[in-house]
């Protein structure tokens, strides 16, 4: 069965279970430490290809059908030479998606990043 909303291509599907986010970057709630403050301080980054009220798009890109946001995510990482802040990566990824939207005008997905309480949008990820 075609699960795509009316007017979108058959490859677009709704991703169930992703929470709604008030903005493209949202803080996740703090988790209590199991050892009374002596536990590890972890920085967690959760990337979603779209908001919960949007659909993900799979497109024929570079000879393969692949997720538009996943493709843009990887292209942004390589464009930043594997070392970048989340802010820089988000800007590069947004530019890449804007270029895709010029060809595929029906794409209406906004990637979302959720951060743990100890994480920051200025953190470097992949290779700090």
C-alpha atoms as a PDB file:
ATOM      1  CA  UNK A   1       0.000   0.000   0.000  1.00  0.00           C
ATOM      2  CA  UNK A   2       1.119   3.551  -0.698  1.00  0.00           C
ATOM      3  CA  UNK A   3       1.570   5.270   2.686  1.00  0.00           C
ATOM      4  CA  UNK A   4       2.593   8.573   1.127  1.00  0.00           C
ATOM      5  CA  UNK A   5       0.428  11.642   1.645  1.00  0.00           C
ATOM      6  CA  UNK A   6      -1.536  12.872  -1.374  1.00  0.00           C
ATOM      7  CA  UNK A   7       0.639  14.753  -3.847  1.00  0.00           C
ATOM      8  CA  UNK A   8       3.925  13.202  -2.723  1.00  0.00           C
ATOM      9  CA  UNK A   9       5.837  10.440  -4.499  1.00  0.00           C
ATOM     10  CA  UNK A  10       5.338   6.811  -3.549  1.00  0.00           C
ATOM     11  CA  UNK A  11       8.770   6.661  -1.881  1.00  0.00           C
ATOM     12  CA  UNK A  12       7.883   9.230   0.790  1.00  0.00           C
ATOM     13  CA  UNK A  13       6.776   7.702   4.090  1.00  0.00           C
ATOM     14  CA  UNK A  14       5.941   8.999   7.546  1.00  0.00           C
ATOM     15  CA  UNK A  15       8.503   8.032  10.181  1.00  0.00           C
ATOM     16  CA  UNK A  16       6.498   6.876  13.221  1.00  0.00           C
ATOM     17  CA  UNK A  17       7.668   7.434  16.779  1.00  0.00           C
ATOM     18  CA  UNK A  18       9.802  10.568  16.325  1.00  0.00           C
ATOM     19  CA  UNK A  19       8.800  13.188  18.914  1.00  0.00           C
ATOM     20  CA  UNK A  20       7.722  16.627  17.800  1.00  0.00           C
ATOM     21  CA  UNK A  21      10.373  19.261  18.310  1.00  0.00           C
ATOM     22  CA  UNK A  22       9.646  22.949  18.836  1.00  0.00           C
ATOM     23  CA  UNK A  23      12.719  23.877  16.791  1.00  0.00           C
ATOM     24  CA  UNK A  24      15.309  22.140  14.604  1.00  0.00           C
ATOM     25  CA  UNK A  25      17.625  22.000  17.663  1.00  0.00           C
ATOM     26  CA  UNK A  26      16.046  20.915  20.940  1.00  0.00           C
ATOM     27  CA  UNK A  27      17.519  19.955  24.305  1.00  0.00           C
ATOM     28  CA  UNK A  28      16.640  16.538  25.686  1.00  0.00           C
ATOM     29  CA  UNK A  29      15.792  16.438  29.398  1.00  0.00           C
ATOM     30  CA  UNK A  30      18.630  15.761  31.844  1.00  0.00           C
ATOM     31  CA  UNK A  31      18.949  12.221  33.084  1.00  0.00           C
ATOM     32  CA  UNK A  32      19.699  11.730  36.780  1.00  0.00           C
ATOM     33  CA  UNK A  33      23.066  10.186  37.600  1.00  0.00           C
ATOM     34  CA  UNK A  34      22.945   6.638  38.975  1.00  0.00           C
ATOM     35  CA  UNK A  35      25.877   7.279  41.326  1.00  0.00           C
ATOM     36  CA  UNK A  36      24.879  10.550  42.905  1.00  0.00           C
ATOM     37  CA  UNK A  37      26.827  12.743  40.502  1.00  0.00           C
ATOM     38  CA  UNK A  38      29.782  10.394  40.016  1.00  0.00           C
ATOM     39  CA  UNK A  39      28.642   8.901  36.721  1.00  0.00           C
ATOM     40  CA  UNK A  40      30.072   9.701  33.313  1.00  0.00           C
ATOM     41  CA  UNK A  41      29.175  12.937  31.584  1.00  0.00           C
ATOM     42  CA  UNK A  42      27.992  11.896  28.134  1.00  0.00           C
ATOM     43  CA  UNK A  43      27.196  14.153  25.223  1.00  0.00           C
ATOM     44  CA  UNK A  44      24.461  12.707  23.064  1.00  0.00           C
ATOM     45  CA  UNK A  45      23.274  13.936  19.682  1.00  0.00           C
ATOM     46  CA  UNK A  46      20.104  12.591  18.098  1.00  0.00           C
ATOM     47  CA  UNK A  47      19.595  13.363  14.408  1.00  0.00           C
ATOM     48  CA  UNK A  48      16.208  12.929  12.744  1.00  0.00           C
ATOM     49  CA  UNK A  49      15.639  13.454   9.040  1.00  0.00           C
ATOM     50  CA  UNK A  50      12.394  15.366   9.581  1.00  0.00           C
ATOM     51  CA  UNK A  51       9.964  16.624  12.174  1.00  0.00           C
ATOM     52  CA  UNK A  52       7.188  14.318  13.367  1.00  0.00           C
ATOM     53  CA  UNK A  53       4.540  16.035  11.238  1.00  0.00           C
ATOM     54  CA  UNK A  54       6.607  15.699   8.035  1.00  0.00           C
ATOM     55  CA  UNK A  55       7.535  12.823   5.738  1.00  0.00           C
ATOM     56  CA  UNK A  56      10.979  11.532   4.808  1.00  0.00           C
ATOM     57  CA  UNK A  57      11.941  11.507   1.153  1.00  0.00           C
ATOM     58  CA  UNK A  58      13.852   8.878  -0.766  1.00  0.00           C
ATOM     59  CA  UNK A  59      15.176  10.049  -4.112  1.00  0.00           C
ATOM     60  CA  UNK A  60      17.265   8.742  -6.997  1.00  0.00           C
ATOM     61  CA  UNK A  61      20.541  10.506  -6.103  1.00  0.00           C
ATOM     62  CA  UNK A  62      23.888   9.629  -7.670  1.00  0.00           C
ATOM     63  CA  UNK A  63      22.409   6.548  -9.334  1.00  0.00           C
ATOM     64  CA  UNK A  64      20.821   5.087  -6.168  1.00  0.00           C
ATOM     65  CA  UNK A  65      17.532   5.571  -4.368  1.00  0.00           C
ATOM     66  CA  UNK A  66      18.472   6.911  -0.945  1.00  0.00           C
ATOM     67  CA  UNK A  67      17.165   9.070   1.863  1.00  0.00           C
ATOM     68  CA  UNK A  68      17.488  12.759   1.018  1.00  0.00           C
ATOM     69  CA  UNK A  69      18.418  13.824   4.564  1.00  0.00           C
ATOM     70  CA  UNK A  70      20.841  10.928   5.054  1.00  0.00           C
ATOM     71  CA  UNK A  71      22.555  11.752   1.769  1.00  0.00           C
ATOM     72  CA  UNK A  72      22.735  15.449   2.731  1.00  0.00           C
ATOM     73  CA  UNK A  73      24.050  14.536   6.219  1.00  0.00           C
ATOM     74  CA  UNK A  74      26.930  12.484   4.778  1.00  0.00           C
ATOM     75  CA  UNK A  75      27.699  15.101   2.100  1.00  0.00           C
ATOM     76  CA  UNK A  76      27.868  17.800   4.805  1.00  0.00           C
ATOM     77  CA  UNK A  77      30.245  15.709   6.932  1.00  0.00           C
ATOM     78  CA  UNK A  78      32.604  15.184   3.999  1.00  0.00           C
ATOM     79  CA  UNK A  79      32.302  18.834   2.886  1.00  0.00           C
ATOM     80  CA  UNK A  80      33.484  19.836   6.378  1.00  0.00           C
ATOM     81  CA  UNK A  81      36.416  17.370   6.159  1.00  0.00           C
ATOM     82  CA  UNK A  82      35.096  15.235   9.054  1.00  0.00           C
ATOM     83  CA  UNK A  83      35.658  17.954  11.656  1.00  0.00           C
ATOM     84  CA  UNK A  84      32.967  20.528  12.337  1.00  0.00           C
ATOM     85  CA  UNK A  85      30.669  21.947  14.961  1.00  0.00           C
ATOM     86  CA  UNK A  86      27.029  20.927  14.917  1.00  0.00           C
ATOM     87  CA  UNK A  87      26.182  24.505  13.908  1.00  0.00           C
ATOM     88  CA  UNK A  88      28.470  24.430  10.874  1.00  0.00           C
ATOM     89  CA  UNK A  89      27.286  20.963   9.863  1.00  0.00           C
ATOM     90  CA  UNK A  90      23.637  22.072  10.101  1.00  0.00           C
ATOM     91  CA  UNK A  91      24.271  25.099   7.874  1.00  0.00           C
ATOM     92  CA  UNK A  92      26.104  23.026   5.239  1.00  0.00           C
ATOM     93  CA  UNK A  93      23.412  20.313   5.356  1.00  0.00           C
ATOM     94  CA  UNK A  94      20.681  22.936   4.972  1.00  0.00           C
ATOM     95  CA  UNK A  95      22.414  24.333   1.854  1.00  0.00           C
ATOM     96  CA  UNK A  96      22.654  20.842   0.371  1.00  0.00           C
ATOM     97  CA  UNK A  97      18.950  20.213   1.035  1.00  0.00           C
ATOM     98  CA  UNK A  98      18.072  23.596  -0.483  1.00  0.00           C
ATOM     99  CA  UNK A  99      19.859  22.515  -3.676  1.00  0.00           C
ATOM    100  CA  UNK A 100      17.840  19.271  -3.695  1.00  0.00           C
ATOM    101  CA  UNK A 101      14.615  21.276  -3.224  1.00  0.00           C
ATOM    102  CA  UNK A 102      15.345  23.199  -6.408  1.00  0.00           C
ATOM    103  CA  UNK A 103      15.012  19.962  -8.361  1.00  0.00           C
ATOM    104  CA  UNK A 104      12.480  18.165  -6.135  1.00  0.00           C
ATOM    105  CA  UNK A 105      10.184  21.031  -5.106  1.00  0.00           C
ATOM    106  CA  UNK A 106       7.828  18.792  -3.113  1.00  0.00           C
ATOM    107  CA  UNK A 107      10.466  17.966  -0.456  1.00  0.00           C
ATOM    108  CA  UNK A 108       9.181  19.415   2.808  1.00  0.00           C
ATOM    109  CA  UNK A 109      11.355  17.947   5.510  1.00  0.00           C
ATOM    110  CA  UNK A 110      13.323  19.817   8.150  1.00  0.00           C
ATOM    111  CA  UNK A 111      16.070  17.812   9.864  1.00  0.00           C
ATOM    112  CA  UNK A 112      16.024  17.928  13.676  1.00  0.00           C
ATOM    113  CA  UNK A 113      18.902  17.650  16.145  1.00  0.00           C
ATOM    114  CA  UNK A 114      18.213  16.870  19.800  1.00  0.00           C
ATOM    115  CA  UNK A 115      21.016  17.354  22.318  1.00  0.00           C
ATOM    116  CA  UNK A 116      21.598  15.920  25.775  1.00  0.00           C
ATOM    117  CA  UNK A 117      21.901  18.428  28.633  1.00  0.00           C
ATOM    118  CA  UNK A 118      25.725  18.336  28.502  1.00  0.00           C
ATOM    119  CA  UNK A 119      25.920  18.788  24.706  1.00  0.00           C
ATOM    120  CA  UNK A 120      26.188  22.087  22.821  1.00  0.00           C
ATOM    121  CA  UNK A 121      25.586  23.157  19.221  1.00  0.00           C
ATOM    122  CA  UNK A 122      29.223  24.328  19.174  1.00  0.00           C
ATOM    123  CA  UNK A 123      30.539  20.828  20.026  1.00  0.00           C
ATOM    124  CA  UNK A 124      32.646  19.188  17.368  1.00  0.00           C
ATOM    125  CA  UNK A 125      31.620  15.700  16.355  1.00  0.00           C
ATOM    126  CA  UNK A 126      33.026  12.822  14.246  1.00  0.00           C
ATOM    127  CA  UNK A 127      36.714  13.816  14.680  1.00  0.00           C
ATOM    128  CA  UNK A 128      37.028  16.559  17.325  1.00  0.00           C
END
